[in-house]
N, C-alpha and C. Protein backbone atom coordinates (compact mmCIF):
# COMPACT_ATOMS: atom_id res chain seq x y z
N MET A 1 0.82 -1.20 0.00
CA MET A 1 0.00 0.00 0.00
C MET A 1 0.86 1.26 0.00
N GLY A 2 1.97 1.24 0.75
CA GLY A 2 2.87 2.38 0.81
C GLY A 2 3.51 2.68 -0.53
N ASN A 3 3.89 1.61 -1.25
CA ASN A 3 4.48 1.80 -2.58
C ASN A 3 3.49 2.43 -3.54
N GLN A 4 2.23 2.05 -3.44
CA GLN A 4 1.21 2.62 -4.32
C GLN A 4 1.00 4.11 -4.03
N ILE A 5 1.06 4.49 -2.76
CA ILE A 5 0.90 5.90 -2.40
C ILE A 5 2.09 6.70 -2.93
N ILE A 6 3.30 6.17 -2.74
CA ILE A 6 4.49 6.87 -3.24
C ILE A 6 4.44 6.95 -4.77
N PHE A 7 4.03 5.86 -5.43
CA PHE A 7 3.90 5.89 -6.89
C PHE A 7 2.89 6.96 -7.32
N GLY A 8 1.77 7.05 -6.62
CA GLY A 8 0.76 8.06 -6.95
C GLY A 8 1.30 9.47 -6.79
N ILE A 9 2.06 9.72 -5.73
CA ILE A 9 2.64 11.04 -5.51
C ILE A 9 3.62 11.39 -6.62
N ILE A 10 4.48 10.43 -6.97
CA ILE A 10 5.46 10.66 -8.03
C ILE A 10 4.77 10.86 -9.37
N ALA A 11 3.75 10.06 -9.66
CA ALA A 11 3.02 10.19 -10.92
C ALA A 11 2.33 11.55 -11.02
N ILE A 12 1.72 11.99 -9.93
CA ILE A 12 1.07 13.31 -9.92
C ILE A 12 2.11 14.41 -10.13
N ALA A 13 3.28 14.26 -9.49
CA ALA A 13 4.34 15.26 -9.66
C ALA A 13 4.79 15.32 -11.12
N ILE A 14 4.95 14.17 -11.76
CA ILE A 14 5.36 14.13 -13.17
C ILE A 14 4.31 14.82 -14.04
N ILE A 15 3.05 14.51 -13.81
CA ILE A 15 1.98 15.11 -14.63
C ILE A 15 1.92 16.62 -14.42
N VAL A 16 1.94 17.06 -13.16
CA VAL A 16 1.83 18.50 -12.87
C VAL A 16 3.01 19.26 -13.45
N PHE A 17 4.23 18.79 -13.21
CA PHE A 17 5.39 19.52 -13.71
C PHE A 17 5.52 19.41 -15.23
N SER A 18 5.03 18.34 -15.83
CA SER A 18 5.02 18.25 -17.29
C SER A 18 4.11 19.31 -17.89
N VAL A 19 2.94 19.45 -17.30
CA VAL A 19 2.00 20.47 -17.79
C VAL A 19 2.59 21.87 -17.59
N ILE A 20 3.23 22.11 -16.45
CA ILE A 20 3.86 23.42 -16.23
C ILE A 20 4.98 23.64 -17.23
N THR A 21 5.74 22.60 -17.55
CA THR A 21 6.84 22.73 -18.50
C THR A 21 6.36 23.19 -19.86
N VAL A 22 5.28 22.59 -20.35
CA VAL A 22 4.84 22.92 -21.71
C VAL A 22 3.90 24.11 -21.78
N THR A 23 3.37 24.55 -20.65
CA THR A 23 2.44 25.68 -20.69
C THR A 23 3.03 26.98 -20.15
N SER A 24 4.16 26.90 -19.49
CA SER A 24 4.75 28.11 -18.92
C SER A 24 5.30 29.01 -20.01
N ARG A 25 5.06 30.28 -19.88
CA ARG A 25 5.56 31.24 -20.86
C ARG A 25 6.93 31.78 -20.45
N LYS A 26 7.34 31.55 -19.21
CA LYS A 26 8.65 31.98 -18.74
C LYS A 26 9.64 30.84 -18.94
N ILE A 27 10.74 31.14 -19.61
CA ILE A 27 11.68 30.10 -20.02
C ILE A 27 12.39 29.45 -18.83
N LEU A 28 12.75 30.21 -17.82
CA LEU A 28 13.43 29.64 -16.66
C LEU A 28 12.49 28.74 -15.87
N ARG A 29 11.23 29.14 -15.72
CA ARG A 29 10.25 28.32 -15.01
C ARG A 29 10.03 26.99 -15.75
N ALA A 30 9.99 27.03 -17.08
CA ALA A 30 9.82 25.82 -17.86
C ALA A 30 11.02 24.88 -17.69
N ALA A 31 12.23 25.44 -17.67
CA ALA A 31 13.43 24.62 -17.50
C ALA A 31 13.49 23.97 -16.12
N VAL A 32 13.12 24.72 -15.09
CA VAL A 32 13.12 24.16 -13.74
C VAL A 32 12.04 23.09 -13.60
N SER A 33 10.90 23.30 -14.21
CA SER A 33 9.84 22.28 -14.18
C SER A 33 10.28 21.02 -14.90
N LEU A 34 11.00 21.17 -16.01
CA LEU A 34 11.55 20.00 -16.71
C LEU A 34 12.52 19.25 -15.82
N LEU A 35 13.31 19.96 -15.05
CA LEU A 35 14.22 19.32 -14.10
C LEU A 35 13.45 18.47 -13.10
N PHE A 36 12.34 19.00 -12.57
CA PHE A 36 11.54 18.23 -11.61
C PHE A 36 10.90 17.00 -12.27
N VAL A 37 10.50 17.11 -13.53
CA VAL A 37 9.94 15.96 -14.24
C VAL A 37 10.99 14.86 -14.35
N LEU A 38 12.20 15.23 -14.73
CA LEU A 38 13.26 14.23 -14.91
C LEU A 38 13.68 13.60 -13.59
N ILE A 39 13.71 14.38 -12.52
CA ILE A 39 14.03 13.82 -11.20
C ILE A 39 12.93 12.88 -10.74
N SER A 40 11.68 13.23 -10.98
CA SER A 40 10.56 12.36 -10.60
C SER A 40 10.60 11.06 -11.39
N THR A 41 10.99 11.14 -12.65
CA THR A 41 11.12 9.92 -13.47
C THR A 41 12.22 9.02 -12.91
N ALA A 42 13.32 9.63 -12.45
CA ALA A 42 14.38 8.84 -11.82
C ALA A 42 13.87 8.17 -10.55
N CYS A 43 12.99 8.85 -9.81
CA CYS A 43 12.39 8.25 -8.60
C CYS A 43 11.60 6.99 -8.96
N LEU A 44 10.88 7.04 -10.10
CA LEU A 44 10.15 5.85 -10.54
C LEU A 44 11.11 4.70 -10.84
N TYR A 45 12.24 5.01 -11.48
CA TYR A 45 13.23 3.97 -11.77
C TYR A 45 13.79 3.38 -10.48
N PHE A 46 14.02 4.22 -9.47
CA PHE A 46 14.49 3.71 -8.18
C PHE A 46 13.45 2.79 -7.55
N MET A 47 12.17 3.14 -7.68
CA MET A 47 11.11 2.29 -7.13
C MET A 47 11.08 0.92 -7.81
N LEU A 48 11.44 0.88 -9.09
CA LEU A 48 11.45 -0.37 -9.84
C LEU A 48 12.76 -1.15 -9.68
N ASN A 49 13.65 -0.64 -8.81
CA ASN A 49 14.97 -1.23 -8.58
C ASN A 49 15.85 -1.22 -9.82
N TYR A 50 15.68 -0.21 -10.66
CA TYR A 50 16.56 0.00 -11.81
C TYR A 50 17.53 1.13 -11.45
N GLN A 51 18.46 0.82 -10.54
CA GLN A 51 19.35 1.86 -10.03
C GLN A 51 20.24 2.45 -11.12
N PHE A 52 20.74 1.60 -12.03
CA PHE A 52 21.62 2.11 -13.08
C PHE A 52 20.86 3.08 -13.99
N LEU A 53 19.64 2.69 -14.37
CA LEU A 53 18.84 3.55 -15.24
C LEU A 53 18.48 4.86 -14.53
N ALA A 54 18.19 4.78 -13.24
CA ALA A 54 17.89 5.99 -12.47
C ALA A 54 19.12 6.89 -12.37
N ALA A 55 20.29 6.28 -12.18
CA ALA A 55 21.52 7.08 -12.11
C ALA A 55 21.81 7.75 -13.44
N VAL A 56 21.59 7.04 -14.53
CA VAL A 56 21.77 7.63 -15.86
C VAL A 56 20.78 8.77 -16.06
N GLN A 57 19.54 8.56 -15.64
CA GLN A 57 18.51 9.60 -15.77
C GLN A 57 18.93 10.86 -15.01
N LEU A 58 19.42 10.69 -13.80
CA LEU A 58 19.82 11.84 -12.99
C LEU A 58 21.05 12.53 -13.54
N THR A 59 22.06 11.75 -13.90
CA THR A 59 23.31 12.38 -14.33
C THR A 59 23.22 12.95 -15.73
N LEU A 60 22.61 12.22 -16.65
CA LEU A 60 22.60 12.67 -18.04
C LEU A 60 21.54 13.73 -18.28
N TYR A 61 20.30 13.42 -17.96
CA TYR A 61 19.23 14.35 -18.28
C TYR A 61 19.09 15.45 -17.24
N ALA A 62 18.84 15.06 -15.99
CA ALA A 62 18.63 16.08 -14.96
C ALA A 62 19.92 16.85 -14.70
N GLY A 63 21.04 16.14 -14.64
CA GLY A 63 22.29 16.80 -14.32
C GLY A 63 22.96 17.44 -15.51
N GLY A 64 22.76 16.90 -16.69
CA GLY A 64 23.46 17.41 -17.86
C GLY A 64 22.67 18.39 -18.67
N ILE A 65 21.64 17.92 -19.31
CA ILE A 65 20.91 18.74 -20.26
C ILE A 65 20.21 19.91 -19.59
N VAL A 66 19.48 19.65 -18.52
CA VAL A 66 18.72 20.73 -17.89
C VAL A 66 19.64 21.77 -17.26
N VAL A 67 20.73 21.33 -16.64
CA VAL A 67 21.66 22.29 -16.07
C VAL A 67 22.30 23.13 -17.16
N LEU A 68 22.62 22.52 -18.31
CA LEU A 68 23.14 23.30 -19.43
C LEU A 68 22.12 24.33 -19.91
N ILE A 69 20.86 23.93 -19.96
CA ILE A 69 19.82 24.87 -20.38
C ILE A 69 19.70 26.02 -19.38
N ILE A 70 19.66 25.70 -18.10
CA ILE A 70 19.52 26.74 -17.08
C ILE A 70 20.73 27.67 -17.09
N PHE A 71 21.95 27.11 -17.16
CA PHE A 71 23.13 27.97 -17.22
C PHE A 71 23.13 28.83 -18.47
N SER A 72 22.70 28.29 -19.59
CA SER A 72 22.65 29.08 -20.81
C SER A 72 21.68 30.24 -20.67
N ILE A 73 20.54 29.98 -20.05
CA ILE A 73 19.56 31.04 -19.83
C ILE A 73 20.13 32.11 -18.92
N LEU A 74 20.75 31.68 -17.83
CA LEU A 74 21.29 32.64 -16.87
C LEU A 74 22.48 33.42 -17.44
N LEU A 75 23.34 32.76 -18.20
CA LEU A 75 24.52 33.42 -18.74
C LEU A 75 24.20 34.41 -19.85
N THR A 76 23.10 34.21 -20.53
CA THR A 76 22.76 35.12 -21.62
C THR A 76 21.81 36.23 -21.18
N SER A 77 21.56 36.32 -19.91
CA SER A 77 20.74 37.39 -19.33
C SER A 77 19.35 37.47 -19.94
N GLN A 78 18.76 36.34 -20.26
CA GLN A 78 17.41 36.31 -20.81
C GLN A 78 16.45 35.67 -19.79
N ILE A 79 16.71 35.91 -18.52
CA ILE A 79 15.93 35.27 -17.46
C ILE A 79 14.47 35.73 -17.48
N SER A 80 14.21 36.92 -17.95
CA SER A 80 12.84 37.43 -17.93
C SER A 80 12.13 37.21 -19.28
N HIS A 81 12.74 36.43 -20.17
CA HIS A 81 12.14 36.19 -21.48
C HIS A 81 10.82 35.45 -21.34
N LYS A 82 9.80 35.94 -22.03
CA LYS A 82 8.49 35.28 -22.04
C LYS A 82 8.17 34.85 -23.45
N PHE A 83 7.68 33.64 -23.60
CA PHE A 83 7.25 33.16 -24.90
C PHE A 83 5.93 33.81 -25.26
N GLU A 84 5.64 33.87 -26.55
CA GLU A 84 4.38 34.47 -27.00
C GLU A 84 3.21 33.57 -26.64
N SER A 85 2.04 34.14 -26.60
CA SER A 85 0.83 33.37 -26.29
C SER A 85 0.55 32.36 -27.40
N VAL A 86 0.01 31.24 -26.99
CA VAL A 86 -0.32 30.19 -27.95
C VAL A 86 -1.72 30.46 -28.51
N GLY A 87 -1.84 30.34 -29.82
CA GLY A 87 -3.12 30.59 -30.47
C GLY A 87 -4.10 29.43 -30.28
N LEU A 88 -5.35 29.70 -30.55
CA LEU A 88 -6.41 28.70 -30.39
C LEU A 88 -6.19 27.51 -31.32
N LYS A 89 -5.72 27.76 -32.53
CA LYS A 89 -5.48 26.69 -33.50
C LYS A 89 -4.44 25.70 -32.97
N LYS A 90 -3.35 26.21 -32.38
CA LYS A 90 -2.31 25.35 -31.82
C LYS A 90 -2.83 24.57 -30.62
N ILE A 91 -3.67 25.20 -29.82
CA ILE A 91 -4.23 24.52 -28.65
C ILE A 91 -5.10 23.35 -29.09
N ILE A 92 -5.93 23.56 -30.11
CA ILE A 92 -6.83 22.51 -30.59
C ILE A 92 -6.03 21.35 -31.17
N PHE A 93 -5.03 21.63 -32.01
CA PHE A 93 -4.23 20.57 -32.60
C PHE A 93 -3.40 19.84 -31.54
N SER A 94 -2.90 20.56 -30.55
CA SER A 94 -2.15 19.93 -29.46
C SER A 94 -3.06 19.00 -28.64
N ALA A 95 -4.28 19.45 -28.38
CA ALA A 95 -5.23 18.62 -27.62
C ALA A 95 -5.58 17.36 -28.42
N LEU A 96 -5.81 17.52 -29.72
CA LEU A 96 -6.12 16.35 -30.56
C LEU A 96 -4.95 15.36 -30.60
N ALA A 97 -3.73 15.87 -30.71
CA ALA A 97 -2.55 15.00 -30.72
C ALA A 97 -2.39 14.30 -29.38
N SER A 98 -2.64 15.01 -28.28
CA SER A 98 -2.53 14.40 -26.96
C SER A 98 -3.58 13.32 -26.75
N ILE A 99 -4.80 13.58 -27.18
CA ILE A 99 -5.87 12.58 -27.06
C ILE A 99 -5.57 11.36 -27.92
N ALA A 100 -5.09 11.58 -29.15
CA ALA A 100 -4.75 10.45 -30.02
C ALA A 100 -3.62 9.63 -29.41
N GLY A 101 -2.60 10.29 -28.85
CA GLY A 101 -1.51 9.58 -28.20
C GLY A 101 -1.98 8.79 -27.00
N ALA A 102 -2.86 9.38 -26.19
CA ALA A 102 -3.39 8.69 -25.02
C ALA A 102 -4.20 7.46 -25.43
N ILE A 103 -4.99 7.59 -26.49
CA ILE A 103 -5.78 6.45 -26.97
C ILE A 103 -4.87 5.32 -27.44
N ILE A 104 -3.82 5.66 -28.17
CA ILE A 104 -2.88 4.63 -28.65
C ILE A 104 -2.20 3.93 -27.49
N VAL A 105 -1.74 4.71 -26.49
CA VAL A 105 -1.06 4.12 -25.34
C VAL A 105 -2.00 3.23 -24.54
N ILE A 106 -3.20 3.70 -24.28
CA ILE A 106 -4.16 2.93 -23.47
C ILE A 106 -4.57 1.65 -24.18
N THR A 107 -4.86 1.72 -25.48
CA THR A 107 -5.24 0.49 -26.20
C THR A 107 -4.07 -0.49 -26.28
N THR A 108 -2.86 0.01 -26.42
CA THR A 108 -1.70 -0.88 -26.45
C THR A 108 -1.53 -1.58 -25.10
N ILE A 109 -1.66 -0.84 -24.02
CA ILE A 109 -1.52 -1.44 -22.69
C ILE A 109 -2.63 -2.45 -22.42
N LEU A 110 -3.86 -2.12 -22.81
CA LEU A 110 -4.97 -3.03 -22.55
C LEU A 110 -4.90 -4.29 -23.41
N ASN A 111 -4.33 -4.21 -24.60
CA ASN A 111 -4.24 -5.37 -25.49
C ASN A 111 -3.03 -6.26 -25.20
N TYR A 112 -2.08 -5.79 -24.42
CA TYR A 112 -0.89 -6.58 -24.11
C TYR A 112 -1.14 -7.42 -22.87
N SER A 113 -0.77 -8.69 -22.95
CA SER A 113 -0.96 -9.56 -21.78
C SER A 113 0.35 -9.59 -20.99
N PHE A 114 0.34 -8.95 -19.83
CA PHE A 114 1.51 -8.90 -18.98
C PHE A 114 1.61 -10.20 -18.19
N GLN A 115 2.80 -10.78 -18.18
CA GLN A 115 3.02 -12.02 -17.45
C GLN A 115 4.22 -11.85 -16.54
N ALA A 116 4.10 -12.37 -15.32
CA ALA A 116 5.20 -12.27 -14.36
C ALA A 116 6.31 -13.23 -14.77
N ASP A 117 7.53 -12.79 -14.59
CA ASP A 117 8.69 -13.61 -14.92
C ASP A 117 9.10 -14.40 -13.67
N THR A 118 9.20 -15.69 -13.80
CA THR A 118 9.55 -16.54 -12.66
C THR A 118 11.03 -16.88 -12.62
N ALA A 119 11.79 -16.44 -13.60
CA ALA A 119 13.22 -16.74 -13.63
C ALA A 119 13.94 -15.98 -12.52
N ALA A 120 14.94 -16.62 -11.96
CA ALA A 120 15.71 -15.99 -10.90
C ALA A 120 16.59 -14.88 -11.48
N ALA A 121 16.83 -13.87 -10.69
CA ALA A 121 17.68 -12.76 -11.13
C ALA A 121 19.11 -13.24 -11.28
N THR A 122 19.78 -12.77 -12.32
CA THR A 122 21.16 -13.17 -12.54
C THR A 122 22.08 -12.21 -11.79
N GLU A 123 23.23 -12.73 -11.37
CA GLU A 123 24.18 -11.92 -10.65
C GLU A 123 24.93 -11.01 -11.63
N VAL A 124 25.18 -9.81 -11.20
CA VAL A 124 25.84 -8.83 -12.05
C VAL A 124 27.34 -8.92 -11.84
N ASN A 125 28.07 -9.12 -12.93
CA ASN A 125 29.51 -9.16 -12.89
C ASN A 125 30.03 -7.82 -13.42
N MET A 126 30.75 -7.07 -12.59
CA MET A 126 31.18 -5.73 -12.97
C MET A 126 32.18 -5.75 -14.13
N LYS A 127 32.92 -6.82 -14.29
CA LYS A 127 33.85 -6.91 -15.41
C LYS A 127 33.08 -6.99 -16.73
N VAL A 128 31.98 -7.74 -16.73
CA VAL A 128 31.14 -7.84 -17.93
C VAL A 128 30.49 -6.50 -18.23
N VAL A 129 30.02 -5.81 -17.19
CA VAL A 129 29.40 -4.49 -17.38
C VAL A 129 30.42 -3.51 -17.95
N GLY A 130 31.63 -3.50 -17.41
CA GLY A 130 32.68 -2.61 -17.90
C GLY A 130 33.06 -2.89 -19.34
N ASN A 131 33.20 -4.17 -19.69
CA ASN A 131 33.51 -4.52 -21.08
C ASN A 131 32.37 -4.15 -22.02
N SER A 132 31.14 -4.27 -21.55
CA SER A 132 30.00 -3.89 -22.38
C SER A 132 29.97 -2.38 -22.61
N LEU A 133 30.28 -1.62 -21.58
CA LEU A 133 30.27 -0.17 -21.72
C LEU A 133 31.34 0.32 -22.68
N LEU A 134 32.47 -0.37 -22.72
CA LEU A 134 33.58 0.06 -23.58
C LEU A 134 33.64 -0.69 -24.90
N GLY A 135 32.76 -1.68 -25.10
CA GLY A 135 32.79 -2.49 -26.31
C GLY A 135 32.15 -1.81 -27.50
N THR A 136 32.63 -2.20 -28.67
CA THR A 136 32.07 -1.68 -29.91
C THR A 136 31.29 -2.73 -30.68
N GLY A 137 31.39 -3.98 -30.28
CA GLY A 137 30.71 -5.07 -30.98
C GLY A 137 29.30 -5.26 -30.48
N ASN A 138 28.88 -6.54 -30.47
CA ASN A 138 27.55 -6.86 -29.93
C ASN A 138 27.49 -6.49 -28.45
N ASN A 139 26.38 -5.92 -28.04
CA ASN A 139 26.15 -5.48 -26.66
C ASN A 139 27.14 -4.41 -26.21
N GLY A 140 27.72 -3.68 -27.15
CA GLY A 140 28.64 -2.59 -26.81
C GLY A 140 27.89 -1.27 -26.72
N TYR A 141 28.37 -0.39 -25.85
CA TYR A 141 27.66 0.86 -25.59
C TYR A 141 28.47 2.10 -25.94
N VAL A 142 29.56 1.96 -26.69
CA VAL A 142 30.35 3.13 -27.04
C VAL A 142 29.56 4.06 -27.96
N LEU A 143 28.89 3.51 -28.95
CA LEU A 143 28.11 4.35 -29.87
C LEU A 143 27.01 5.12 -29.17
N PRO A 144 26.21 4.49 -28.29
CA PRO A 144 25.20 5.30 -27.58
C PRO A 144 25.80 6.43 -26.75
N PHE A 145 26.97 6.19 -26.13
CA PHE A 145 27.59 7.26 -25.36
C PHE A 145 28.05 8.40 -26.26
N GLU A 146 28.53 8.07 -27.45
CA GLU A 146 28.92 9.12 -28.39
C GLU A 146 27.70 9.90 -28.87
N VAL A 147 26.59 9.20 -29.10
CA VAL A 147 25.36 9.87 -29.50
C VAL A 147 24.88 10.79 -28.38
N ILE A 148 25.02 10.35 -27.14
CA ILE A 148 24.62 11.17 -26.00
C ILE A 148 25.47 12.43 -25.91
N SER A 149 26.77 12.31 -26.21
CA SER A 149 27.62 13.51 -26.18
C SER A 149 27.20 14.51 -27.25
N VAL A 150 26.81 14.02 -28.42
CA VAL A 150 26.30 14.92 -29.47
C VAL A 150 24.98 15.54 -29.02
N LEU A 151 24.13 14.76 -28.34
CA LEU A 151 22.87 15.28 -27.80
C LEU A 151 23.11 16.40 -26.80
N LEU A 152 24.11 16.24 -25.93
CA LEU A 152 24.42 17.28 -24.96
C LEU A 152 24.89 18.56 -25.65
N VAL A 153 25.72 18.42 -26.67
CA VAL A 153 26.18 19.60 -27.40
C VAL A 153 25.00 20.28 -28.10
N ALA A 154 24.13 19.48 -28.72
CA ALA A 154 22.96 20.04 -29.39
C ALA A 154 22.04 20.74 -28.40
N ALA A 155 21.88 20.16 -27.21
CA ALA A 155 21.04 20.79 -26.18
C ALA A 155 21.63 22.12 -25.74
N MET A 156 22.95 22.18 -25.60
CA MET A 156 23.59 23.42 -25.19
C MET A 156 23.44 24.48 -26.28
N ILE A 157 23.64 24.11 -27.52
CA ILE A 157 23.48 25.06 -28.63
C ILE A 157 22.04 25.54 -28.71
N ALA A 158 21.09 24.61 -28.60
CA ALA A 158 19.67 24.99 -28.65
C ALA A 158 19.30 25.91 -27.50
N ALA A 159 19.82 25.64 -26.32
CA ALA A 159 19.52 26.49 -25.16
C ALA A 159 20.07 27.89 -25.36
N ILE A 160 21.26 27.99 -25.93
CA ILE A 160 21.84 29.31 -26.18
C ILE A 160 21.05 30.05 -27.24
N VAL A 161 20.63 29.33 -28.30
CA VAL A 161 19.85 29.98 -29.36
C VAL A 161 18.51 30.48 -28.81
N VAL A 162 17.85 29.66 -27.99
CA VAL A 162 16.56 30.07 -27.43
C VAL A 162 16.76 31.25 -26.46
N ALA A 163 17.81 31.18 -25.66
CA ALA A 163 18.04 32.23 -24.68
C ALA A 163 18.50 33.53 -25.33
N LYS A 164 19.20 33.46 -26.45
CA LYS A 164 19.69 34.65 -27.13
C LYS A 164 18.67 35.24 -28.08
N LYS A 165 17.52 34.61 -28.22
CA LYS A 165 16.51 35.08 -29.16
C LYS A 165 16.14 36.53 -28.85
N GLY A 166 16.21 37.39 -29.83
CA GLY A 166 15.84 38.77 -29.64
C GLY A 166 17.02 39.69 -29.35
N SER A 167 18.20 39.16 -29.06
CA SER A 167 19.34 40.00 -28.75
C SER A 167 19.82 40.84 -29.93
N PRO A 168 19.88 40.31 -31.18
CA PRO A 168 20.37 41.13 -32.28
C PRO A 168 19.55 42.40 -32.50
N LYS A 169 18.26 42.39 -32.24
CA LYS A 169 17.42 43.57 -32.42
C LYS A 169 17.83 44.68 -31.45
N LYS A 170 18.19 44.29 -30.23
CA LYS A 170 18.62 45.28 -29.24
C LYS A 170 19.94 45.91 -29.68
N GLU A 171 20.86 45.10 -30.24
CA GLU A 171 22.13 45.62 -30.69
C GLU A 171 21.96 46.56 -31.87
N GLU A 172 21.01 46.26 -32.77
CA GLU A 172 20.77 47.10 -33.93
C GLU A 172 20.24 48.47 -33.51
N LYS A 173 19.41 48.51 -32.46
CA LYS A 173 18.86 49.78 -31.99
C LYS A 173 19.94 50.67 -31.41
N ASN A 174 20.96 50.05 -30.80
CA ASN A 174 22.04 50.83 -30.19
C ASN A 174 22.96 51.44 -31.25
N ASN A 175 23.04 50.86 -32.43
CA ASN A 175 23.94 51.35 -33.48
C ASN A 175 23.41 52.53 -34.19
């Protein structure tokens, strides 16, 4: 019963902060809300005993991408930047896309027959994990780590572009 209550609290936090992230017109508030969403998702992974996945979630997404976005916003002095209001047409299409996505997810979950696994858990050998992380062949993870590094650079560039939006107009007025 306690796990269900904690799951409910975490799920509500994810939903609330997700909605704040996509509806907030202030860029810093949206970035901080995204940070809370990613931390709450890591909490779910911890509840499922996926410690490695939770650690990756915290270090890569919450610790890497969101911190880069927040630092980019703060360093470019665009902390008070507000996004423009969303039009009715965008709201309607967003609602339709969200409803369609929810229908697809719910029907997929209801049509899948979940079965408990009775196999015993295998022991984790750290030498195998280390070789897998550094391997380039089957079950190697070097390529995903390289893709993640490109993702971090792209997130930093995107954060700077979003935070610097509108700066050239101010410079033109001064000239």
